[in-house]
Amino acid sequence: MRLKAEVLLREARMDVEHGSYNKAVSASYFPLRLTVEHLIRGLLTTKDDKIANALYREIKRKCW
């Protein structure tokens, strides 16, 4: 998972350098999602808004 996310982020950086901003946004979304899905064990949803809410709850639980 980590290697795949790193490759995708590297590609996103190259897209920015070449001015392909829309492509860079897409390329950076997937490694972020892979990382969140890896960090939150037992995540049962694939809906973006629910994943974002789960991440918020996890951060809040651990940091506050």
Protein backbone atom coordinates (compact mmCIF):
# COMPACT_ATOMS: atom_id res chain seq x y z
CA MET A 1 0.00 0.00 0.00
CA ARG A 2 2.69 2.46 0.99
CA LEU A 3 4.70 1.97 -2.18
CA LYS A 4 1.64 2.41 -4.37
CA ALA A 5 0.67 5.61 -2.56
CA GLU A 6 4.22 6.96 -2.90
CA VAL A 7 4.28 6.27 -6.63
CA LEU A 8 0.95 8.02 -7.11
CA LEU A 9 2.11 11.06 -5.13
CA ARG A 10 5.30 11.25 -7.16
CA GLU A 11 3.21 11.21 -10.33
CA ALA A 12 1.00 13.97 -8.92
CA ARG A 13 4.06 16.14 -8.26
CA MET A 14 5.22 15.61 -11.85
CA ASP A 15 1.75 16.57 -13.09
CA VAL A 16 1.96 19.86 -11.16
CA GLU A 17 5.41 20.56 -12.59
CA HIS A 18 3.96 20.09 -16.09
CA GLY A 19 0.94 22.28 -15.39
CA SER A 20 -1.55 19.40 -15.42
CA TYR A 21 -3.40 20.53 -12.32
CA ASN A 22 -6.61 18.56 -12.80
CA LYS A 23 -4.61 15.40 -13.33
CA ALA A 24 -2.54 16.20 -10.24
CA VAL A 25 -5.65 16.51 -8.09
CA SER A 26 -6.87 13.11 -9.23
CA ALA A 27 -3.44 11.57 -8.80
CA SER A 28 -3.15 12.87 -5.23
CA TYR A 29 -6.67 11.81 -4.22
CA PHE A 30 -6.02 8.09 -4.54
CA PRO A 31 -2.91 7.84 -2.33
CA LEU A 32 -4.71 9.89 0.31
CA ARG A 33 -7.65 7.53 0.18
CA LEU A 34 -5.39 4.45 0.29
CA THR A 35 -3.62 5.85 3.34
CA VAL A 36 -6.85 6.65 5.19
CA GLU A 37 -8.29 3.23 4.41
CA HIS A 38 -5.10 1.66 5.73
CA LEU A 39 -5.04 3.74 8.92
CA ILE A 40 -8.67 3.21 9.88
CA ARG A 41 -9.00 -0.50 10.43
CA GLY A 42 -12.43 -1.96 9.84
CA LEU A 43 -13.62 0.87 7.60
CA LEU A 44 -16.72 -0.55 5.93
CA THR A 45 -17.67 2.23 3.53
CA THR A 46 -16.29 3.35 0.23
CA LYS A 47 -18.20 6.63 0.10
CA ASP A 48 -15.89 9.64 0.18
CA ASP A 49 -17.95 11.73 2.61
CA LYS A 50 -18.18 8.85 5.08
CA ILE A 51 -14.44 8.19 4.80
CA ALA A 52 -13.75 11.88 5.50
CA ASN A 53 -16.06 11.78 8.53
CA ALA A 54 -14.39 8.61 9.80
CA LEU A 55 -10.96 10.25 9.46
CA TYR A 56 -12.19 13.33 11.34
CA ARG A 57 -13.56 11.16 14.17
CA GLU A 58 -10.34 9.16 14.38
CA ILE A 59 -8.18 12.29 14.55
CA LYS A 60 -10.49 13.85 17.10
CA ARG A 61 -10.43 10.68 19.23
CA LYS A 62 -6.62 10.46 19.19
CA CYS A 63 -5.71 14.14 19.47
CA TRP A 64 -8.33 15.81 21.65
